Structures are given as C-alpha cells and as structure tokens.
Amino acid sequence: MPGVVEMVYHHVFDLPLPLGDTRRKYFTGLRQFGKPFMSIPTLRQMLETAYDVMEVLRNLRFESQILHRDISKGSVLYIDDKSPPTTIACSTPHANFGGASQAVTVTATGSSLCFIKYLLNESCDPCETSALLIDFNHGEHLTRKQSLEHKRTERTGTPVFMACALQLRKPVPLHIPSILAAVPHSPEPYTLAHPDRVAKFPSTPPRMLINHPGDCNNREWRHELDHDTESIWWLLLYWTVTVQPKGEPDEFIAHSTWSLLTGDRWDRLIRDLASGPGEPDEGTGTDIHTLYYKPLRPLLVRLAEILVIDRYWLEDSETRNAPQYVSEAFQRLILQFILDNRKADFMVRQVKERPRRVEKGSQEPSHSATASQRRNAEEEHITQPAKEVTEDSAHGGEDMDWSANKGFIKSNNM
C-alpha cells in the first residue's frame, strides 16, 4: 500500500547468554526509507504529510481492517523528494480542477486512495506521497483472533501523542451544554476526487448539545480510527510548538504551553483552543506557536473544535459518530487551508535545525513524569520507553537513523 513501509527481510535468532539465559534478536529490513517527521522543513510540507498519513490510516482501517494504534513522531516518516511544489500539466483527464479526478482512484490493492499532491495538481499520480508510516508493533488486525501470546491491550500509544480518551481509558467526559462543531465544507478538488465521502458527510451547521443521548451507556468503547487521527493532531501541534522559522528572532516556548503539552492536562489544551478567540499571552496555554506562525492558529482552533466532543456521546443516527469522521473533517480543513495559503511566505519558509527552547525556569517535565503516564508505562508497557524532553531535545532524538540508506537493517533486542 502506498505510504506504508514494506518489509523485505525478517530474521529471528536466539543469542545465548551466561547462566543459561537467552536473548532473542530481531533483524528487519525495510525497502523504503525516510526522515523523521520533526525534520520536515516547511509548514506546508508538514501539513501535506499529515493529510497523507490520515489517508493511509483510513485505507488501512477500512480496506485492510488494520489499526496502527501508535501514531507519534517516531512512526511517521517524511520522504523528501527535493523538488519544490509546482503546478504541473497532466495529459491525463484528472486535471480539470486543481488536480482532482471525477472518478474514485483505485490502487493495485483495490482500495480508493488519493494523496494531496494529486489534489493540488502537483502530481499526475494519485498514489504519490511524501508520507511513510512505519512501526506496526502495536497494530491490530480487527478481523483476526488474538492469541494468548499476543493478547490485545486496550490502550496503546506514545505519551504526548495519545488521544485523550486513551489516556483516560474511557470516553472523554461530555460537558453539558456543548457545541458540536459543524461538518466543514468540502474543497472542490476533494469533492471531485471523493464524491462518495462527501455524500456520506454533507456539510452541516454546528448544533448545541443540551443533554446526553439516553442509549450510550451500553456502547462498547475501544481504540478506533478517530483516536489515531487525534494523534495526528497532537503530532501536528508538537511540530508547530517546537519549530523556529529561519530569518526570524528566536522565541521561547512558554512553560504553561510546554506543561500542558507534555503533562497530564492535554484535555485542557484542546478545550482552550476550541473555546473561541483569545489572546495567546493570557496564560491559558494557547501560546502554541511563534508569532510568525500566527496565521496557522485558525486551523488549529477548527481542528480542536472537532475533537472537543467524543463521538461516543453522539446518537447512532449522527453522521459525526462514524469512526472515519474526524479524518474526513481534518482532511477537508487541512486541504482548504493549503489552498487558501499555498503561496504565503509562512507556508514555505524553512525552519531552523535547532528547535525552540523552553523558557528558562524550573526543570521541564518528562514525557512520563505524570501519574497517568507512569501507570501507562508500568502496567501496560506501551511502545518504547518515553525519553525525557528538555530544552535541547524538544524535537526528540529518533531511536534510529531512518535516512541512512536503502539497505538499512533495524535491530531490536528482547
């Protein structure tokens, strides 16, 4: 599947140790290679990569019945083709508007798939993408029975990027009254490429929720596609918080923002952003970007509004209750934002290699410093151990250099 890493080599062997113990060693060879998500050089390329990862996740979920369940800055790679975005002239019939096709594209696997370069008329191939999804160690095949050895864990993910509901191990509580955000309009290229999706999720205005639906108590709650999509939002936000554009004065990350992002008040960060307009210096934790990236704030607000209400509380008849709805809304909003701002300087300005620093003061919290995150690591052993986040490691060092060469071999010890 385009956008998903392909394993071409796998070998397991036992390594004898003193006192009769053994260590199992795994070697895995991957065909594609890329760079860490945090090394993406421009805002526009970051948004395009986030869009394409959501497209991959949707196809994995509904065409292959697979959930990734661990979206983070370590599981999303960026393939840099070194070519700047440009409008191209295609001889194929797809280019009648902005690169979008009037027919649903079908890949070799039989799934409908269309990445953002095609929608932006920058590629004649709907399957061309700069995103690469790796690390399926916590993935789940929904139609396959789990053995006792590989028993499914109810909560997986990487601290900072986990969905709020997964941190809580239950749906995010619904505050009454609450506003259910509007189903956003579909950009014309998206409508032409995905008429079936647009028909399933027609644009609707916001509405007020004044009570809980009465039949929610017996619903099954589990990790679903919308939780992986929320992880994309946290990934997008993390990039925005930590990067510093070239040619602009250095700015520090406010302690209030960093504490909300890396601590256990993640739900407040979403509510603060979705609560409406407010000055970023009011101490609410919404000073999430440099002044240069202030035009990005409306997009982050609209995405947060989609996440405020957990779909668990919505009626069965509500279209926004579908697992793929958050992805649908996010992709529409991100594509429209790129279309509206594609030529703006803040979209294409390169960022510095060194990330923003947290303002001086008390020691920055680690990714697993809170009680909930410690319990998460100790009881369920989710993903790799979280690394401490400091001023000089806001981007985080990746465990492996995925951009080394095509012959890269990954080694794990157990």
Protein backbone atom coordinates (compact mmCIF):
# COMPACT_ATOMS: atom_id res chain seq x y z
CA MET A 1 0.00 0.00 0.00
CA PRO A 2 1.44 3.43 -0.88
CA GLY A 3 2.54 5.31 2.22
CA VAL A 4 3.15 2.13 4.23
CA VAL A 5 6.65 0.74 4.73
CA GLU A 6 7.38 -2.60 3.06
CA MET A 7 9.30 -5.28 4.95
CA VAL A 8 11.62 -7.25 2.66
CA TYR A 9 13.73 -9.10 5.25
CA HIS A 10 12.99 -10.63 8.64
CA HIS A 11 15.11 -12.97 10.75
CA VAL A 12 14.92 -14.03 14.39
CA PHE A 13 17.55 -15.92 16.30
CA ASP A 14 18.36 -16.66 19.95
CA LEU A 15 21.60 -15.33 21.41
CA PRO A 16 22.90 -17.50 24.29
CA LEU A 17 23.84 -15.63 27.48
CA PRO A 18 25.67 -16.70 30.66
CA LEU A 19 23.74 -18.69 33.28
CA GLY A 20 21.67 -20.37 30.60
CA ASP A 21 19.67 -17.30 29.64
CA THR A 22 18.99 -16.33 26.05
CA ARG A 23 18.22 -13.09 24.30
CA ARG A 24 16.06 -13.07 21.21
CA LYS A 25 17.33 -10.81 18.46
CA TYR A 26 15.22 -9.50 15.59
CA PHE A 27 16.52 -8.17 12.29
CA THR A 28 14.12 -6.39 9.96
CA GLY A 29 14.92 -4.96 6.53
CA LEU A 30 12.65 -2.24 5.13
CA ARG A 31 12.53 -1.28 1.45
CA GLN A 32 11.63 2.41 1.82
CA PHE A 33 13.45 4.94 3.93
CA GLY A 34 12.75 8.48 5.06
CA LYS A 35 13.50 11.23 7.52
CA PRO A 36 11.94 11.83 10.95
CA PHE A 37 8.70 13.79 10.95
CA MET A 38 10.30 16.53 13.05
CA SER A 39 12.83 17.19 10.29
CA ILE A 40 10.15 18.37 7.82
CA PRO A 41 11.48 21.73 6.61
CA THR A 42 8.31 23.79 5.98
CA LEU A 43 4.81 24.18 7.37
CA ARG A 44 3.21 23.33 4.06
CA GLN A 45 5.13 20.06 3.72
CA MET A 46 4.24 19.17 7.30
CA LEU A 47 0.51 19.70 6.65
CA GLU A 48 0.69 17.71 3.42
CA THR A 49 2.39 14.83 5.21
CA ALA A 50 -0.23 14.89 7.99
CA TYR A 51 -3.00 14.81 5.38
CA ASP A 52 -1.46 11.83 3.60
CA VAL A 53 -0.96 9.87 6.83
CA MET A 54 -4.68 10.24 7.53
CA GLU A 55 -5.40 8.92 4.03
CA VAL A 56 -3.18 5.91 4.76
CA LEU A 57 -4.83 5.26 8.13
CA ARG A 58 -8.32 5.36 6.59
CA ASN A 59 -7.39 2.85 3.91
CA LEU A 60 -5.68 0.56 6.40
CA ARG A 61 -8.77 0.62 8.60
CA PHE A 62 -11.50 0.11 6.01
CA GLU A 63 -9.71 -1.79 3.25
CA SER A 64 -7.37 -4.00 5.30
CA GLN A 65 -9.07 -3.90 8.73
CA ILE A 66 -5.85 -2.72 10.41
CA LEU A 67 -5.42 -0.11 13.12
CA HIS A 68 -1.94 1.32 13.70
CA ARG A 69 -2.57 2.39 17.33
CA ASP A 70 0.76 4.16 17.90
CA ILE A 71 0.95 7.35 15.83
CA SER A 72 3.83 9.52 17.02
CA LYS A 73 6.84 11.44 15.75
CA GLY A 74 8.70 8.14 15.65
CA SER A 75 6.21 6.23 13.49
CA VAL A 76 5.66 8.82 10.74
CA LEU A 77 8.49 9.45 8.30
CA TYR A 78 8.91 12.10 5.65
CA ILE A 79 10.23 11.35 2.17
CA ASP A 80 11.98 14.40 0.80
CA ASP A 81 11.93 14.34 -2.99
CA LYS A 82 13.90 17.62 -3.08
CA SER A 83 11.52 19.06 -5.67
CA PRO A 84 9.67 22.27 -4.75
CA PRO A 85 5.86 22.31 -5.11
CA THR A 86 4.78 23.39 -8.56
CA THR A 87 1.67 23.19 -10.70
CA ILE A 88 2.04 20.67 -13.49
CA ALA A 89 0.21 20.00 -16.73
CA CYS A 90 -1.01 16.41 -16.99
CA SER A 91 -2.14 14.67 -20.12
CA THR A 92 -4.48 12.51 -18.05
CA PRO A 93 -8.13 13.56 -17.61
CA HIS A 94 -7.73 14.25 -13.90
CA ALA A 95 -6.58 17.85 -14.21
CA ASN A 96 -9.90 19.50 -14.87
CA PHE A 97 -9.79 21.22 -11.50
CA GLY A 98 -6.84 21.54 -9.18
CA GLY A 99 -5.67 18.03 -9.93
CA ALA A 100 -8.79 16.24 -8.70
CA SER A 101 -10.32 13.31 -10.50
CA GLN A 102 -14.02 12.87 -11.14
CA ALA A 103 -13.62 9.15 -10.63
CA VAL A 104 -12.50 7.41 -7.48
CA THR A 105 -8.92 6.22 -7.90
CA VAL A 106 -8.35 2.52 -7.35
CA THR A 107 -4.92 1.22 -6.41
CA ALA A 108 -3.47 -2.19 -7.12
CA THR A 109 -4.93 -3.39 -3.81
CA GLY A 110 -8.42 -2.42 -4.94
CA SER A 111 -8.76 0.45 -2.45
CA SER A 112 -9.69 4.05 -3.18
CA LEU A 113 -6.67 6.21 -2.47
CA CYS A 114 -5.83 9.77 -3.37
CA PHE A 115 -2.99 11.77 -1.81
CA ILE A 116 -2.73 15.50 -1.53
CA LYS A 117 -0.16 16.17 -4.28
CA TYR A 118 -2.71 14.93 -6.78
CA LEU A 119 -5.43 17.16 -5.35
CA LEU A 120 -3.10 20.16 -5.51
CA ASN A 121 -2.25 19.41 -9.16
CA GLU A 122 1.40 18.74 -8.31
CA SER A 123 1.38 15.13 -9.47
CA CYS A 124 -0.33 13.05 -12.13
CA ASP A 125 -0.15 10.01 -9.84
CA PRO A 126 -2.85 9.91 -7.12
CA CYS A 127 -0.68 7.46 -5.16
CA GLU A 128 2.38 9.72 -4.93
CA THR A 129 3.05 10.73 -1.34
CA SER A 130 5.84 12.06 0.86
CA ALA A 131 4.48 10.25 3.94
CA LEU A 132 5.69 6.85 5.14
CA LEU A 133 4.04 5.03 8.03
CA ILE A 134 6.22 2.59 9.99
CA ASP A 135 6.31 0.76 13.34
CA PHE A 136 3.26 -1.50 13.49
CA ASN A 137 4.39 -3.19 16.72
CA HIS A 138 1.10 -2.24 18.39
CA GLY A 139 -1.10 -2.59 15.33
CA GLU A 140 -4.26 -4.66 15.40
CA HIS A 141 -5.92 -6.73 12.69
CA LEU A 142 -9.59 -6.26 13.53
CA THR A 143 -10.81 -9.48 11.92
CA ARG A 144 -8.08 -11.75 13.25
CA LYS A 145 -8.43 -13.54 16.57
CA GLN A 146 -5.72 -12.61 19.05
CA SER A 147 -3.69 -15.43 20.57
CA LEU A 148 -2.87 -15.53 24.26
CA GLU A 149 0.72 -14.63 23.40
CA HIS A 150 -0.41 -11.52 21.52
CA LYS A 151 -3.35 -10.50 23.67
CA ARG A 152 -4.78 -7.14 22.65
CA THR A 153 -4.11 -4.27 25.04
CA GLU A 154 -6.91 -1.76 25.43
CA ARG A 155 -4.64 1.26 25.42
CA THR A 156 -1.57 1.80 23.30
CA GLY A 157 0.34 4.80 22.11
CA THR A 158 3.19 7.13 22.94
CA PRO A 159 2.80 9.76 25.68
CA VAL A 160 2.22 13.28 24.34
CA PHE A 161 0.67 11.90 21.13
CA MET A 162 -2.01 9.63 22.63
CA ALA A 163 -5.66 10.58 22.25
CA CYS A 164 -7.25 11.96 25.41
CA ALA A 165 -9.71 9.07 25.65
CA LEU A 166 -6.85 6.56 25.56
CA GLN A 167 -5.15 8.37 28.42
CA LEU A 168 -8.39 8.18 30.40
CA ARG A 169 -9.17 4.59 29.31
CA LYS A 170 -12.72 5.73 28.62
CA PRO A 171 -14.61 8.33 26.57
CA VAL A 172 -13.73 11.93 27.33
CA PRO A 173 -16.50 13.27 29.63
CA LEU A 174 -19.12 15.36 27.91
CA HIS A 175 -19.69 18.81 29.38
CA ILE A 176 -23.28 19.97 29.03
CA PRO A 177 -24.09 22.22 27.28
CA SER A 178 -21.54 21.80 24.48
CA ILE A 179 -21.39 22.87 20.86
CA LEU A 180 -20.99 20.12 18.29
CA ALA A 181 -18.79 21.61 15.59
CA ALA A 182 -20.07 21.96 12.03
CA VAL A 183 -19.22 19.41 9.38
CA PRO A 184 -16.82 21.51 7.28
CA HIS A 185 -17.40 22.24 3.62
CA SER A 186 -15.51 20.09 1.15
CA PRO A 187 -12.95 21.84 -1.09
CA GLU A 188 -13.77 21.37 -4.77
CA PRO A 189 -10.74 19.16 -5.56
CA TYR A 190 -11.73 16.89 -2.67
CA THR A 191 -15.36 16.77 -3.82
CA LEU A 192 -14.32 15.74 -7.33
CA ALA A 193 -11.97 13.04 -6.05
CA HIS A 194 -14.24 11.66 -3.29
CA PRO A 195 -17.91 12.13 -4.16
CA ASP A 196 -18.81 9.11 -2.03
CA ARG A 197 -17.21 10.61 1.06
CA VAL A 198 -18.85 13.99 0.51
CA ALA A 199 -22.23 12.33 0.10
CA LYS A 200 -21.73 10.40 3.35
CA PHE A 201 -20.70 13.53 5.28
CA PRO A 202 -22.62 16.51 3.88
CA SER A 203 -21.80 19.90 5.33
CA THR A 204 -23.99 20.71 8.31
CA PRO A 205 -24.04 23.64 10.75
CA PRO A 206 -22.99 23.37 14.40
CA ARG A 207 -25.58 22.44 16.99
CA MET A 208 -25.91 22.65 20.73
CA LEU A 209 -25.94 19.51 22.87
CA ILE A 210 -28.04 20.08 25.94
CA ASN A 211 -28.28 16.51 27.21
CA HIS A 212 -26.67 13.09 26.91
CA PRO A 213 -28.17 10.62 24.45
CA GLY A 214 -30.03 8.08 26.55
CA ASP A 215 -28.74 4.92 24.88
CA CYS A 216 -24.97 5.45 25.23
CA ASN A 217 -24.35 3.55 28.43
CA ASN A 218 -24.22 0.10 26.85
CA ARG A 219 -21.98 1.01 23.93
CA GLU A 220 -18.64 -0.70 23.55
CA TRP A 221 -15.69 1.65 23.83
CA ARG A 222 -12.42 0.76 22.18
CA HIS A 223 -9.42 2.15 20.33
CA GLU A 224 -10.61 3.22 16.89
CA LEU A 225 -9.55 5.23 13.85
CA ASP A 226 -10.64 8.54 15.36
CA HIS A 227 -8.10 8.04 18.18
CA ASP A 228 -5.27 7.53 15.69
CA THR A 229 -6.44 10.65 13.85
CA GLU A 230 -6.35 12.64 17.08
CA SER A 231 -2.73 11.50 17.45
CA ILE A 232 -2.07 13.20 14.09
CA TRP A 233 -3.43 16.41 15.63
CA TRP A 234 -1.01 16.12 18.56
CA LEU A 235 1.80 15.41 16.12
CA LEU A 236 0.90 18.46 14.06
CA LEU A 237 0.71 20.55 17.23
CA TYR A 238 4.05 19.25 18.51
CA TRP A 239 5.78 20.27 15.28
CA THR A 240 4.16 23.70 15.46
CA VAL A 241 5.20 24.27 19.06
CA THR A 242 8.84 23.31 18.64
CA VAL A 243 9.95 24.66 15.24
CA GLN A 244 11.55 28.05 14.70
CA PRO A 245 11.40 29.65 11.21
CA LYS A 246 14.65 30.80 9.63
CA GLY A 247 15.21 34.51 9.45
CA GLU A 248 13.00 35.22 12.46
CA PRO A 249 14.05 36.11 16.03
CA ASP A 250 14.30 33.13 18.36
CA GLU A 251 11.29 32.70 20.63
CA PHE A 252 10.97 30.53 23.73
CA ILE A 253 8.22 28.01 24.38
CA ALA A 254 6.16 29.19 27.34
CA HIS A 255 6.23 26.97 30.42
CA SER A 256 2.43 26.91 30.51
CA THR A 257 2.30 25.60 26.95
CA TRP A 258 5.04 23.01 27.45
CA SER A 259 3.47 21.75 30.68
CA LEU A 260 0.10 21.28 29.01
CA LEU A 261 1.66 19.52 26.03
CA THR A 262 3.91 17.13 27.97
CA GLY A 263 1.96 16.79 31.22
CA ASP A 264 -1.44 15.35 32.06
CA ARG A 265 -3.60 18.38 31.20
CA TRP A 266 -3.82 17.56 27.49
CA ASP A 267 -7.62 17.82 27.56
CA ARG A 268 -7.38 21.42 28.74
CA LEU A 269 -5.20 22.30 25.76
CA ILE A 270 -7.90 21.12 23.35
CA ARG A 271 -10.63 22.94 25.26
CA ASP A 272 -8.60 26.15 25.42
CA LEU A 273 -8.06 26.15 21.68
CA ALA A 274 -11.67 25.32 20.91
CA SER A 275 -13.17 27.78 23.38
CA GLY A 276 -13.00 30.69 20.96
CA PRO A 277 -10.81 33.70 20.30
CA GLY A 278 -8.38 34.74 22.98
CA GLU A 279 -5.07 36.46 23.23
CA PRO A 280 -2.22 33.94 23.31
CA ASP A 281 -0.47 35.74 26.17
CA GLU A 282 -3.32 35.38 28.65
CA GLY A 283 -1.69 32.39 30.31
CA THR A 284 -4.27 29.90 29.05
CA GLY A 285 -1.72 27.64 27.44
CA THR A 286 -2.73 28.66 23.93
CA ASP A 287 0.55 30.41 23.06
CA ILE A 288 1.39 27.42 20.92
CA HIS A 289 3.31 28.92 18.05
CA THR A 290 5.76 31.64 17.21
CA LEU A 291 4.35 34.97 16.12
CA TYR A 292 5.41 34.11 12.59
CA TYR A 293 3.03 31.13 12.53
CA LYS A 294 0.09 33.05 13.97
CA PRO A 295 -1.90 32.59 10.70
CA LEU A 296 -1.97 28.86 11.48
CA ARG A 297 -3.99 29.41 14.65
CA PRO A 298 -7.47 29.40 12.99
CA LEU A 299 -6.78 25.96 11.53
CA LEU A 300 -5.62 24.57 14.88
CA VAL A 301 -8.75 26.01 16.51
CA ARG A 302 -11.09 24.42 13.97
CA LEU A 303 -9.36 21.05 14.31
CA ALA A 304 -9.62 21.28 18.11
CA GLU A 305 -13.33 22.03 17.84
CA ILE A 306 -13.80 18.70 16.06
CA LEU A 307 -12.10 16.88 18.97
CA VAL A 308 -13.89 18.55 21.89
CA ILE A 309 -16.87 16.18 21.86
CA ASP A 310 -16.12 12.47 21.96
CA ARG A 311 -18.18 10.69 19.31
CA TYR A 312 -19.13 8.10 21.95
CA TRP A 313 -21.79 10.51 23.21
CA LEU A 314 -23.45 11.09 19.84
CA GLU A 315 -26.61 9.39 18.62
CA ASP A 316 -26.29 6.42 16.29
CA SER A 317 -28.05 8.44 13.59
CA GLU A 318 -25.47 11.25 13.79
CA THR A 319 -23.06 11.08 10.83
CA ARG A 320 -20.31 12.56 13.02
CA ASN A 321 -20.45 9.36 15.06
CA ALA A 322 -18.63 7.40 12.31
CA PRO A 323 -15.03 6.32 13.13
CA GLN A 324 -13.71 8.00 9.96
CA TYR A 325 -15.46 11.32 10.55
CA VAL A 326 -12.57 13.01 12.37
CA SER A 327 -10.25 12.09 9.49
CA GLU A 328 -12.81 13.38 7.00
CA ALA A 329 -13.16 16.73 8.75
CA PHE A 330 -9.41 17.11 9.28
CA GLN A 331 -8.57 16.36 5.66
CA ARG A 332 -11.13 18.86 4.37
CA LEU A 333 -9.90 21.61 6.68
CA ILE A 334 -6.19 20.99 6.02
CA LEU A 335 -6.67 20.89 2.24
CA GLN A 336 -8.70 24.08 2.27
CA PHE A 337 -6.09 25.82 4.42
CA ILE A 338 -3.34 24.86 1.97
CA LEU A 339 -5.42 26.02 -1.00
CA ASP A 340 -6.06 29.37 0.70
CA ASN A 341 -2.45 29.93 1.79
CA ARG A 342 -0.28 27.90 -0.57
CA LYS A 343 1.73 30.94 -1.74
CA ALA A 344 2.08 32.60 1.67
CA ASP A 345 5.61 33.04 2.98
CA PHE A 346 4.85 31.37 6.32
CA MET A 347 3.84 28.20 4.47
CA VAL A 348 7.12 27.73 2.58
CA ARG A 349 9.68 29.35 4.91
CA GLN A 350 12.32 26.83 6.00
CA VAL A 351 12.66 26.10 9.71
CA LYS A 352 15.89 26.01 11.69
CA GLU A 353 17.53 22.70 12.52
CA ARG A 354 17.62 23.61 16.20
CA PRO A 355 14.16 23.59 17.82
CA ARG A 356 12.71 26.30 20.02
CA ARG A 357 13.81 26.16 23.64
CA VAL A 358 11.57 26.10 26.65
CA GLU A 359 11.83 29.35 28.60
CA LYS A 360 14.30 29.22 31.48
CA GLY A 361 12.99 28.34 34.89
CA SER A 362 12.07 25.12 36.63
CA GLN A 363 13.03 21.81 35.12
CA GLU A 364 10.90 20.75 32.17
CA PRO A 365 8.66 17.74 32.75
CA SER A 366 9.50 14.41 31.18
CA HIS A 367 7.12 12.57 28.89
CA SER A 368 6.37 10.01 31.57
CA ALA A 369 6.52 12.23 34.65
CA THR A 370 2.81 12.28 35.45
CA ALA A 371 0.96 9.64 37.43
CA SER A 372 -1.19 8.58 34.49
CA GLN A 373 1.80 8.23 32.19
CA ARG A 374 3.81 6.29 34.78
CA ARG A 375 0.88 3.92 35.19
CA ASN A 376 0.68 3.70 31.42
CA ALA A 377 4.32 2.65 31.12
CA GLU A 378 4.43 0.36 34.14
CA GLU A 379 1.15 -1.53 33.77
CA GLU A 380 0.71 -1.92 30.03
CA HIS A 381 4.20 -1.41 28.61
CA ILE A 382 3.07 0.76 25.74
CA THR A 383 5.60 1.34 22.98
CA GLN A 384 9.20 2.19 23.66
CA PRO A 385 10.13 3.98 26.92
CA ALA A 386 9.47 7.69 26.69
CA LYS A 387 12.50 9.94 26.65
CA GLU A 388 12.84 12.99 28.81
CA VAL A 389 12.09 16.21 26.98
CA THR A 390 14.49 19.05 27.64
CA GLU A 391 15.24 22.43 26.13
CA ASP A 392 17.75 20.95 23.73
CA SER A 393 15.69 17.92 22.75
CA ALA A 394 12.30 19.40 22.01
CA HIS A 395 12.39 17.70 18.63
CA GLY A 396 13.42 14.47 20.26
CA GLY A 397 16.20 12.25 19.01
CA GLU A 398 14.82 9.41 16.99
CA ASP A 399 15.78 5.89 18.02
CA MET A 400 17.22 5.12 14.60
CA ASP A 401 18.52 6.98 11.60
CA TRP A 402 15.91 6.06 9.01
CA SER A 403 17.55 8.17 6.33
CA ALA A 404 20.85 6.32 6.29
CA ASN A 405 20.48 4.24 3.13
CA LYS A 406 18.23 1.81 1.32
CA GLY A 407 19.99 -1.14 2.87
CA PHE A 408 19.07 -0.14 6.41
CA ILE A 409 18.63 -3.00 8.85
CA LYS A 410 16.75 -2.43 12.11
CA SER A 411 17.80 -4.43 15.14
CA ASN A 412 15.80 -4.94 18.34
CA ASN A 413 16.69 -6.87 21.47
CA MET A 414 14.28 -8.71 23.70
